[in-house]
């Protein structure tokens, strides 16, 4: 991966961690798990296909859905990963598909809406603003790659927010 993409990923991740921590959604640490990263690798091609089609009309929604997916996967990881680890991308959608992924996840998996909706609204707005400030020319290969990176960072932020909400934290072991 090119240095410009690595830097964008690192800078966006740091920015989103700062935003989420400032909003009381995280405690300064990006909580994660190799299981959650592996799930993203499985879901990413299908998610990208859905999100790219809708990005021009609904950019913040597409970014938020990455976060919602991260929250849902983290929730299922905590609930019973043996049961849910092999679920398909379609598991996170209703019959309407990507168009109501947010409502489906908050109502059927997270079973709460207030925290997740507020979290994803603030985070997706911050990620979109960061993406727009990147200076890439719309419609270029670089803009497309930055979008893909932004969605993945949103997935990881969403997962971290849900793990934090569930009480996970990093503790130093001596």
N, C-alpha and C. Protein backbone atom coordinates (compact mmCIF):
# COMPACT_ATOMS: atom_id res chain seq x y z
N UNK A 1 0.85 -1.19 0.00
CA UNK A 1 0.00 0.00 0.00
C UNK A 1 0.89 1.24 0.00
N UNK A 2 0.52 2.17 -0.81
CA UNK A 2 1.27 3.41 -0.96
C UNK A 2 1.33 4.18 0.37
N UNK A 3 2.40 4.92 0.53
CA UNK A 3 2.59 5.72 1.75
C UNK A 3 1.45 6.71 1.96
N UNK A 4 0.91 7.28 0.89
CA UNK A 4 -0.17 8.25 1.03
C UNK A 4 -1.42 7.59 1.63
N UNK A 5 -1.66 6.33 1.28
CA UNK A 5 -2.82 5.62 1.82
C UNK A 5 -2.58 5.20 3.27
N UNK A 6 -1.37 4.80 3.57
CA UNK A 6 -1.03 4.44 4.95
C UNK A 6 -1.18 5.67 5.84
N UNK A 7 -0.67 6.80 5.37
CA UNK A 7 -0.78 8.04 6.16
C UNK A 7 -2.24 8.45 6.33
N UNK A 8 -3.04 8.35 5.27
CA UNK A 8 -4.44 8.71 5.37
C UNK A 8 -5.14 7.82 6.40
N UNK A 9 -4.89 6.50 6.35
CA UNK A 9 -5.49 5.58 7.31
C UNK A 9 -5.09 5.93 8.74
N UNK A 10 -3.82 6.17 8.96
CA UNK A 10 -3.34 6.50 10.30
C UNK A 10 -3.93 7.82 10.80
N UNK A 11 -3.94 8.83 9.93
CA UNK A 11 -4.46 10.13 10.32
C UNK A 11 -5.97 10.08 10.58
N UNK A 12 -6.70 9.39 9.71
CA UNK A 12 -8.15 9.27 9.91
C UNK A 12 -8.46 8.48 11.18
N UNK A 13 -7.74 7.40 11.42
CA UNK A 13 -7.95 6.61 12.62
C UNK A 13 -7.70 7.45 13.88
N UNK A 14 -6.62 8.20 13.88
CA UNK A 14 -6.31 9.07 15.04
C UNK A 14 -7.40 10.13 15.21
N UNK A 15 -7.84 10.70 14.10
CA UNK A 15 -8.90 11.72 14.16
C UNK A 15 -10.20 11.13 14.71
N UNK A 16 -10.57 9.98 14.20
CA UNK A 16 -11.83 9.35 14.64
C UNK A 16 -11.74 8.90 16.09
N UNK A 17 -10.60 8.44 16.52
CA UNK A 17 -10.41 8.07 17.92
C UNK A 17 -10.56 9.30 18.81
N UNK A 18 -10.03 10.42 18.34
CA UNK A 18 -10.16 11.67 19.08
C UNK A 18 -11.63 12.13 19.14
N UNK A 19 -12.33 12.05 18.02
CA UNK A 19 -13.74 12.44 17.97
C UNK A 19 -14.57 11.55 18.90
N UNK A 20 -14.39 10.23 18.79
CA UNK A 20 -15.18 9.30 19.60
C UNK A 20 -14.86 9.46 21.09
N UNK A 21 -13.61 9.68 21.41
CA UNK A 21 -13.23 9.89 22.81
C UNK A 21 -13.81 11.21 23.32
N UNK A 22 -13.72 12.25 22.51
CA UNK A 22 -14.28 13.55 22.88
C UNK A 22 -15.78 13.50 23.10
N UNK A 23 -16.47 12.60 22.40
CA UNK A 23 -17.91 12.45 22.57
C UNK A 23 -18.27 11.44 23.65
N UNK A 24 -17.27 10.95 24.38
CA UNK A 24 -17.53 10.01 25.47
C UNK A 24 -17.85 8.60 25.00
N UNK A 25 -17.55 8.29 23.74
CA UNK A 25 -17.86 6.97 23.19
C UNK A 25 -16.71 5.97 23.36
N UNK A 26 -15.51 6.49 23.55
CA UNK A 26 -14.32 5.67 23.78
C UNK A 26 -13.48 6.33 24.87
N UNK A 27 -12.49 5.60 25.32
CA UNK A 27 -11.60 6.14 26.36
C UNK A 27 -10.18 6.30 25.85
N UNK A 28 -10.05 6.73 24.61
CA UNK A 28 -8.73 6.99 24.06
C UNK A 28 -8.04 5.79 23.44
N UNK A 29 -8.69 4.64 23.42
CA UNK A 29 -8.10 3.42 22.89
C UNK A 29 -9.02 2.81 21.85
N UNK A 30 -8.44 2.36 20.76
CA UNK A 30 -9.20 1.69 19.71
C UNK A 30 -9.25 0.20 20.04
N UNK A 31 -10.30 -0.19 20.75
CA UNK A 31 -10.47 -1.59 21.12
C UNK A 31 -10.73 -2.41 19.86
N UNK A 32 -10.15 -3.61 19.79
CA UNK A 32 -10.37 -4.46 18.63
C UNK A 32 -10.08 -5.91 18.96
N UNK A 33 -10.27 -6.75 17.97
CA UNK A 33 -10.01 -8.17 18.11
C UNK A 33 -9.68 -8.73 16.73
N UNK A 34 -8.77 -9.68 16.64
CA UNK A 34 -8.50 -10.31 15.34
C UNK A 34 -9.77 -10.94 14.73
N UNK A 35 -10.67 -11.42 15.57
CA UNK A 35 -11.93 -11.97 15.05
C UNK A 35 -12.74 -10.91 14.31
N UNK A 36 -12.78 -9.71 14.86
CA UNK A 36 -13.54 -8.63 14.24
C UNK A 36 -12.89 -8.18 12.94
N UNK A 37 -11.56 -8.16 12.93
CA UNK A 37 -10.84 -7.82 11.70
C UNK A 37 -11.07 -8.86 10.61
N UNK A 38 -11.09 -10.12 10.99
CA UNK A 38 -11.33 -11.21 10.02
C UNK A 38 -12.75 -11.12 9.46
N UNK A 39 -13.71 -10.77 10.30
CA UNK A 39 -15.09 -10.61 9.83
C UNK A 39 -15.15 -9.48 8.80
N UNK A 40 -14.46 -8.38 9.05
CA UNK A 40 -14.45 -7.28 8.09
C UNK A 40 -13.90 -7.75 6.74
N UNK A 41 -12.85 -8.53 6.77
CA UNK A 41 -12.26 -9.01 5.51
C UNK A 41 -13.28 -9.84 4.72
N UNK A 42 -14.13 -10.56 5.40
CA UNK A 42 -15.18 -11.34 4.73
C UNK A 42 -16.28 -10.46 4.17
N UNK A 43 -16.68 -9.44 4.94
CA UNK A 43 -17.81 -8.61 4.57
C UNK A 43 -17.44 -7.47 3.62
N UNK A 44 -16.20 -7.03 3.63
CA UNK A 44 -15.79 -5.84 2.89
C UNK A 44 -16.15 -5.85 1.41
N UNK A 45 -15.88 -6.91 0.66
CA UNK A 45 -16.22 -6.84 -0.78
C UNK A 45 -17.71 -6.58 -1.03
N UNK A 46 -18.58 -7.25 -0.30
CA UNK A 46 -20.03 -7.04 -0.47
C UNK A 46 -20.43 -5.65 0.01
N UNK A 47 -19.88 -5.24 1.15
CA UNK A 47 -20.21 -3.92 1.69
C UNK A 47 -19.77 -2.83 0.72
N UNK A 48 -18.55 -2.93 0.22
CA UNK A 48 -18.06 -1.92 -0.71
C UNK A 48 -18.96 -1.83 -1.94
N UNK A 49 -19.40 -2.98 -2.44
CA UNK A 49 -20.29 -2.98 -3.60
C UNK A 49 -21.57 -2.22 -3.34
N UNK A 50 -22.14 -2.39 -2.16
CA UNK A 50 -23.36 -1.65 -1.79
C UNK A 50 -23.08 -0.17 -1.58
N UNK A 51 -22.04 0.12 -0.83
CA UNK A 51 -21.76 1.50 -0.42
C UNK A 51 -21.32 2.38 -1.59
N UNK A 52 -20.54 1.84 -2.49
CA UNK A 52 -20.05 2.64 -3.61
C UNK A 52 -21.21 3.14 -4.47
N UNK A 53 -22.23 2.30 -4.65
CA UNK A 53 -23.39 2.69 -5.46
C UNK A 53 -24.16 3.85 -4.84
N UNK A 54 -24.13 3.96 -3.53
CA UNK A 54 -24.93 4.96 -2.83
C UNK A 54 -24.14 6.17 -2.36
N UNK A 55 -22.81 6.11 -2.45
CA UNK A 55 -21.98 7.14 -1.83
C UNK A 55 -22.27 8.55 -2.33
N UNK A 56 -22.40 8.75 -3.62
CA UNK A 56 -22.61 10.11 -4.14
C UNK A 56 -23.87 10.74 -3.59
N UNK A 57 -24.93 9.97 -3.44
CA UNK A 57 -26.19 10.51 -2.93
C UNK A 57 -26.24 10.56 -1.40
N UNK A 58 -25.62 9.59 -0.74
CA UNK A 58 -25.73 9.46 0.72
C UNK A 58 -24.36 9.14 1.34
N UNK A 59 -23.40 10.04 1.25
CA UNK A 59 -22.05 9.72 1.72
C UNK A 59 -21.96 9.42 3.22
N UNK A 60 -22.61 10.24 4.04
CA UNK A 60 -22.52 10.02 5.48
C UNK A 60 -23.23 8.73 5.88
N UNK A 61 -24.33 8.42 5.22
CA UNK A 61 -25.04 7.17 5.50
C UNK A 61 -24.14 5.97 5.19
N UNK A 62 -23.45 6.01 4.06
CA UNK A 62 -22.57 4.89 3.69
C UNK A 62 -21.46 4.71 4.71
N UNK A 63 -20.89 5.81 5.16
CA UNK A 63 -19.84 5.72 6.18
C UNK A 63 -20.43 5.21 7.51
N UNK A 64 -21.60 5.72 7.87
CA UNK A 64 -22.24 5.27 9.11
C UNK A 64 -22.53 3.78 9.08
N UNK A 65 -22.96 3.27 7.94
CA UNK A 65 -23.26 1.84 7.85
C UNK A 65 -22.02 0.99 8.12
N UNK A 66 -20.85 1.48 7.73
CA UNK A 66 -19.62 0.78 8.10
C UNK A 66 -19.49 0.69 9.62
N UNK A 67 -19.79 1.79 10.30
CA UNK A 67 -19.76 1.81 11.76
C UNK A 67 -20.81 0.93 12.38
N UNK A 68 -22.03 0.97 11.83
CA UNK A 68 -23.09 0.10 12.34
C UNK A 68 -22.71 -1.37 12.19
N UNK A 69 -22.11 -1.72 11.07
CA UNK A 69 -21.70 -3.10 10.86
C UNK A 69 -20.64 -3.49 11.90
N UNK A 70 -19.70 -2.60 12.16
CA UNK A 70 -18.70 -2.86 13.20
C UNK A 70 -19.33 -3.05 14.57
N UNK A 71 -20.31 -2.20 14.90
CA UNK A 71 -21.00 -2.33 16.18
C UNK A 71 -21.71 -3.68 16.27
N UNK A 72 -22.40 -4.05 15.19
CA UNK A 72 -23.16 -5.31 15.20
C UNK A 72 -22.24 -6.51 15.35
N UNK A 73 -21.14 -6.52 14.62
CA UNK A 73 -20.21 -7.65 14.70
C UNK A 73 -19.61 -7.74 16.10
N UNK A 74 -19.23 -6.60 16.67
CA UNK A 74 -18.69 -6.60 18.04
C UNK A 74 -19.73 -7.10 19.04
N UNK A 75 -20.97 -6.71 18.84
CA UNK A 75 -22.05 -7.15 19.74
C UNK A 75 -22.21 -8.67 19.66
N UNK A 76 -22.21 -9.20 18.46
CA UNK A 76 -22.35 -10.65 18.29
C UNK A 76 -21.12 -11.39 18.79
N UNK A 77 -19.96 -10.78 18.64
CA UNK A 77 -18.72 -11.38 19.15
C UNK A 77 -18.82 -11.56 20.66
N UNK A 78 -19.36 -10.55 21.33
CA UNK A 78 -19.53 -10.62 22.78
C UNK A 78 -20.64 -11.59 23.17
N UNK A 79 -21.71 -11.61 22.39
CA UNK A 79 -22.87 -12.43 22.74
C UNK A 79 -22.59 -13.93 22.62
N UNK A 80 -22.12 -14.37 21.45
CA UNK A 80 -21.86 -15.80 21.23
C UNK A 80 -21.14 -15.96 19.90
N UNK A 81 -19.83 -15.72 19.91
CA UNK A 81 -19.07 -15.72 18.67
C UNK A 81 -19.09 -17.07 17.97
N UNK A 82 -19.10 -18.16 18.72
CA UNK A 82 -19.15 -19.49 18.11
C UNK A 82 -20.41 -19.63 17.25
N UNK A 83 -21.48 -19.04 17.69
CA UNK A 83 -22.74 -19.11 16.97
C UNK A 83 -22.77 -18.17 15.75
N UNK A 84 -22.16 -17.00 15.86
CA UNK A 84 -22.31 -15.97 14.84
C UNK A 84 -21.09 -15.76 13.94
N UNK A 85 -19.97 -16.40 14.22
CA UNK A 85 -18.73 -16.08 13.51
C UNK A 85 -18.79 -16.34 12.01
N UNK A 86 -19.66 -17.21 11.56
CA UNK A 86 -19.74 -17.52 10.13
C UNK A 86 -20.96 -16.93 9.44
N UNK A 87 -21.66 -16.00 10.10
CA UNK A 87 -22.85 -15.42 9.47
C UNK A 87 -22.44 -14.62 8.24
N UNK A 88 -23.36 -14.52 7.32
CA UNK A 88 -23.08 -13.84 6.06
C UNK A 88 -23.34 -12.34 6.19
N UNK A 89 -22.88 -11.59 5.23
CA UNK A 89 -23.13 -10.15 5.18
C UNK A 89 -24.63 -9.86 5.15
N UNK A 90 -25.39 -10.69 4.45
CA UNK A 90 -26.85 -10.51 4.35
C UNK A 90 -27.53 -10.61 5.72
N UNK A 91 -26.90 -11.26 6.68
CA UNK A 91 -27.45 -11.39 8.03
C UNK A 91 -27.72 -10.02 8.65
N UNK A 92 -26.98 -9.00 8.23
CA UNK A 92 -27.06 -7.67 8.83
C UNK A 92 -28.03 -6.75 8.08
N UNK A 93 -28.85 -7.34 7.23
CA UNK A 93 -29.78 -6.54 6.44
C UNK A 93 -31.16 -7.17 6.42
N UNK A 94 -32.16 -6.32 6.24
CA UNK A 94 -33.53 -6.79 6.06
C UNK A 94 -33.75 -7.06 4.57
N UNK A 95 -34.98 -7.26 4.20
CA UNK A 95 -35.32 -7.46 2.79
C UNK A 95 -34.99 -6.23 1.95
N UNK A 96 -34.91 -5.08 2.57
CA UNK A 96 -34.58 -3.85 1.85
C UNK A 96 -33.08 -3.69 1.62
N UNK A 97 -32.29 -4.60 2.13
CA UNK A 97 -30.85 -4.58 1.90
C UNK A 97 -30.15 -3.42 2.57
N UNK A 98 -29.22 -2.83 1.85
CA UNK A 98 -28.37 -1.76 2.37
C UNK A 98 -29.17 -0.53 2.78
N UNK A 99 -30.32 -0.31 2.14
CA UNK A 99 -31.10 0.91 2.37
C UNK A 99 -31.57 1.11 3.80
N UNK A 100 -31.74 0.04 4.55
CA UNK A 100 -32.14 0.21 5.95
C UNK A 100 -31.25 -0.58 6.90
N UNK A 101 -30.01 -0.73 6.50
CA UNK A 101 -29.04 -1.47 7.32
C UNK A 101 -28.94 -0.87 8.72
N UNK A 102 -28.95 0.45 8.82
CA UNK A 102 -28.84 1.11 10.12
C UNK A 102 -29.99 0.73 11.03
N UNK A 103 -31.21 0.84 10.52
CA UNK A 103 -32.39 0.50 11.32
C UNK A 103 -32.43 -0.98 11.67
N UNK A 104 -32.06 -1.82 10.72
CA UNK A 104 -32.07 -3.25 10.98
C UNK A 104 -31.09 -3.62 12.10
N UNK A 105 -29.89 -3.08 12.01
CA UNK A 105 -28.87 -3.39 13.02
C UNK A 105 -29.27 -2.84 14.39
N UNK A 106 -29.72 -1.58 14.45
CA UNK A 106 -30.08 -1.03 15.76
C UNK A 106 -31.29 -1.72 16.36
N UNK A 107 -32.25 -2.10 15.55
CA UNK A 107 -33.46 -2.71 16.07
C UNK A 107 -33.39 -4.20 16.31
N UNK A 108 -32.60 -4.91 15.53
CA UNK A 108 -32.60 -6.37 15.60
C UNK A 108 -31.35 -6.99 16.19
N UNK A 109 -30.24 -6.28 16.16
CA UNK A 109 -29.01 -6.85 16.71
C UNK A 109 -28.60 -6.11 17.98
N UNK A 110 -28.46 -4.81 17.88
CA UNK A 110 -28.08 -4.03 19.06
C UNK A 110 -29.25 -3.85 20.02
N UNK A 111 -30.45 -3.86 19.49
CA UNK A 111 -31.69 -3.69 20.26
C UNK A 111 -31.70 -2.41 21.07
N UNK A 112 -31.08 -1.39 20.51
CA UNK A 112 -31.12 -0.04 21.08
C UNK A 112 -30.75 0.90 19.95
N UNK A 113 -31.25 2.09 20.03
CA UNK A 113 -30.98 3.02 18.96
C UNK A 113 -30.32 4.31 19.37
N UNK A 114 -30.58 4.75 20.57
CA UNK A 114 -30.15 6.08 20.97
C UNK A 114 -28.63 6.25 20.90
N UNK A 115 -27.86 5.41 21.58
CA UNK A 115 -26.41 5.54 21.58
C UNK A 115 -25.85 5.30 20.19
N UNK A 116 -26.28 4.23 19.54
CA UNK A 116 -25.69 3.89 18.25
C UNK A 116 -25.98 4.95 17.20
N UNK A 117 -27.19 5.47 17.17
CA UNK A 117 -27.54 6.49 16.17
C UNK A 117 -26.74 7.77 16.42
N UNK A 118 -26.69 8.23 17.66
CA UNK A 118 -25.91 9.44 17.97
C UNK A 118 -24.43 9.22 17.66
N UNK A 119 -23.91 8.06 18.01
CA UNK A 119 -22.50 7.77 17.77
C UNK A 119 -22.19 7.78 16.28
N UNK A 120 -23.02 7.11 15.50
CA UNK A 120 -22.74 7.01 14.07
C UNK A 120 -23.00 8.32 13.34
N UNK A 121 -23.96 9.11 13.81
CA UNK A 121 -24.17 10.42 13.18
C UNK A 121 -22.94 11.31 13.37
N UNK A 122 -22.43 11.37 14.59
CA UNK A 122 -21.27 12.23 14.83
C UNK A 122 -20.02 11.69 14.16
N UNK A 123 -19.82 10.39 14.23
CA UNK A 123 -18.61 9.80 13.64
C UNK A 123 -18.63 9.85 12.11
N UNK A 124 -19.77 9.56 11.51
CA UNK A 124 -19.81 9.58 10.04
C UNK A 124 -19.65 11.01 9.51
N UNK A 125 -20.20 11.98 10.21
CA UNK A 125 -20.02 13.38 9.80
C UNK A 125 -18.55 13.76 9.89
N UNK A 126 -17.89 13.35 10.96
CA UNK A 126 -16.46 13.66 11.13
C UNK A 126 -15.62 12.96 10.07
N UNK A 127 -15.94 11.70 9.78
CA UNK A 127 -15.18 10.96 8.76
C UNK A 127 -15.39 11.55 7.37
N UNK A 128 -16.62 11.94 7.06
CA UNK A 128 -16.91 12.55 5.76
C UNK A 128 -16.18 13.88 5.62
N UNK A 129 -16.20 14.69 6.67
CA UNK A 129 -15.49 15.97 6.65
C UNK A 129 -13.99 15.73 6.44
N UNK A 130 -13.45 14.76 7.11
CA UNK A 130 -12.03 14.43 6.97
C UNK A 130 -11.73 13.99 5.54
N UNK A 131 -12.58 13.16 4.98
CA UNK A 131 -12.42 12.70 3.60
C UNK A 131 -12.45 13.87 2.63
N UNK A 132 -13.39 14.78 2.83
CA UNK A 132 -13.51 15.93 1.93
C UNK A 132 -12.30 16.87 2.04
N UNK A 133 -11.73 16.95 3.23
CA UNK A 133 -10.55 17.79 3.44
C UNK A 133 -9.27 17.16 2.90
N UNK A 134 -9.35 15.89 2.49
CA UNK A 134 -8.15 15.21 2.01
C UNK A 134 -7.62 15.80 0.71
N UNK A 135 -8.46 16.51 -0.01
CA UNK A 135 -8.01 17.17 -1.22
C UNK A 135 -7.98 16.28 -2.45
N UNK A 136 -8.49 15.08 -2.35
CA UNK A 136 -8.50 14.21 -3.53
C UNK A 136 -9.58 14.68 -4.50
N UNK A 137 -9.31 14.51 -5.76
CA UNK A 137 -10.27 14.91 -6.78
C UNK A 137 -11.36 13.84 -6.89
N UNK A 138 -12.64 14.25 -6.74
CA UNK A 138 -13.73 13.27 -6.83
C UNK A 138 -13.68 12.48 -8.14
N UNK A 139 -14.01 11.20 -8.05
CA UNK A 139 -14.04 10.35 -9.22
C UNK A 139 -12.72 9.72 -9.60
N UNK A 140 -11.68 10.04 -8.87
CA UNK A 140 -10.36 9.47 -9.18
C UNK A 140 -10.13 8.17 -8.42
N UNK A 141 -9.13 7.44 -8.86
CA UNK A 141 -8.76 6.19 -8.18
C UNK A 141 -8.35 6.48 -6.73
N UNK A 142 -7.66 7.60 -6.52
CA UNK A 142 -7.24 7.96 -5.17
C UNK A 142 -8.46 8.24 -4.28
N UNK A 143 -9.44 8.96 -4.80
CA UNK A 143 -10.66 9.25 -4.02
C UNK A 143 -11.38 7.96 -3.67
N UNK A 144 -11.44 7.04 -4.61
CA UNK A 144 -12.08 5.74 -4.37
C UNK A 144 -11.35 4.99 -3.26
N UNK A 145 -10.05 4.96 -3.31
CA UNK A 145 -9.25 4.25 -2.29
C UNK A 145 -9.42 4.92 -0.92
N UNK A 146 -9.45 6.24 -0.88
CA UNK A 146 -9.67 6.94 0.38
C UNK A 146 -11.05 6.60 0.95
N UNK A 147 -12.04 6.50 0.08
CA UNK A 147 -13.37 6.11 0.53
C UNK A 147 -13.34 4.71 1.15
N UNK A 148 -12.70 3.76 0.49
CA UNK A 148 -12.62 2.39 1.02
C UNK A 148 -11.93 2.37 2.38
N UNK A 149 -10.87 3.13 2.50
CA UNK A 149 -10.16 3.22 3.79
C UNK A 149 -11.08 3.84 4.85
N UNK A 150 -11.82 4.87 4.47
CA UNK A 150 -12.72 5.55 5.42
C UNK A 150 -13.79 4.61 5.93
N UNK A 151 -14.34 3.79 5.05
CA UNK A 151 -15.37 2.82 5.47
C UNK A 151 -14.77 1.81 6.44
N UNK A 152 -13.58 1.32 6.14
CA UNK A 152 -12.94 0.35 7.04
C UNK A 152 -12.65 0.97 8.40
N UNK A 153 -12.18 2.20 8.42
CA UNK A 153 -11.93 2.88 9.70
C UNK A 153 -13.24 3.05 10.47
N UNK A 154 -14.31 3.38 9.77
CA UNK A 154 -15.61 3.50 10.44
C UNK A 154 -16.04 2.15 11.03
N UNK A 155 -15.82 1.06 10.32
CA UNK A 155 -16.13 -0.27 10.85
C UNK A 155 -15.37 -0.48 12.17
N UNK A 156 -14.08 -0.17 12.15
CA UNK A 156 -13.26 -0.39 13.35
C UNK A 156 -13.68 0.53 14.50
N UNK A 157 -14.04 1.77 14.18
CA UNK A 157 -14.52 2.70 15.21
C UNK A 157 -15.84 2.18 15.79
N UNK A 158 -16.73 1.75 14.92
CA UNK A 158 -18.01 1.20 15.38
C UNK A 158 -17.82 0.01 16.30
N UNK A 159 -16.92 -0.90 15.90
CA UNK A 159 -16.64 -2.07 16.74
C UNK A 159 -16.07 -1.64 18.09
N UNK A 160 -15.14 -0.68 18.07
CA UNK A 160 -14.53 -0.20 19.32
C UNK A 160 -15.58 0.45 20.23
N UNK A 161 -16.48 1.22 19.65
CA UNK A 161 -17.52 1.88 20.43
C UNK A 161 -18.42 0.84 21.10
N UNK A 162 -18.79 -0.19 20.36
CA UNK A 162 -19.65 -1.22 20.96
C UNK A 162 -18.90 -2.01 22.03
N UNK A 163 -17.64 -2.35 21.80
CA UNK A 163 -16.87 -3.06 22.82
C UNK A 163 -16.76 -2.19 24.08
N UNK A 164 -16.54 -0.90 23.90
CA UNK A 164 -16.46 0.01 25.04
C UNK A 164 -17.79 0.05 25.78
N UNK A 165 -18.89 0.13 25.02
CA UNK A 165 -20.22 0.17 25.64
C UNK A 165 -20.48 -1.11 26.44
N UNK A 166 -19.94 -2.23 25.96
CA UNK A 166 -20.12 -3.51 26.64
C UNK A 166 -19.19 -3.68 27.84
N UNK A 167 -18.30 -2.72 28.05
CA UNK A 167 -17.44 -2.75 29.24
C UNK A 167 -16.03 -3.24 29.00
N UNK A 168 -15.67 -3.50 27.77
CA UNK A 168 -14.29 -3.92 27.49
C UNK A 168 -13.35 -2.74 27.63
N UNK A 169 -12.13 -3.04 28.09
CA UNK A 169 -11.11 -2.01 28.19
C UNK A 169 -9.74 -2.70 28.18
N UNK A 170 -8.74 -1.96 27.80
CA UNK A 170 -7.39 -2.50 27.82
C UNK A 170 -6.81 -2.25 29.20
N UNK A 171 -6.21 -3.28 29.75
CA UNK A 171 -5.57 -3.12 31.03
C UNK A 171 -4.15 -3.62 30.92
N UNK A 172 -3.25 -2.89 31.52
CA UNK A 172 -1.85 -3.27 31.51
C UNK A 172 -1.63 -4.47 32.41
N UNK A 173 -0.94 -5.46 31.87
CA UNK A 173 -0.63 -6.67 32.65
C UNK A 173 0.86 -6.67 32.94
N UNK A 174 1.18 -6.86 34.21
CA UNK A 174 2.60 -6.88 34.61
C UNK A 174 3.15 -8.28 34.54
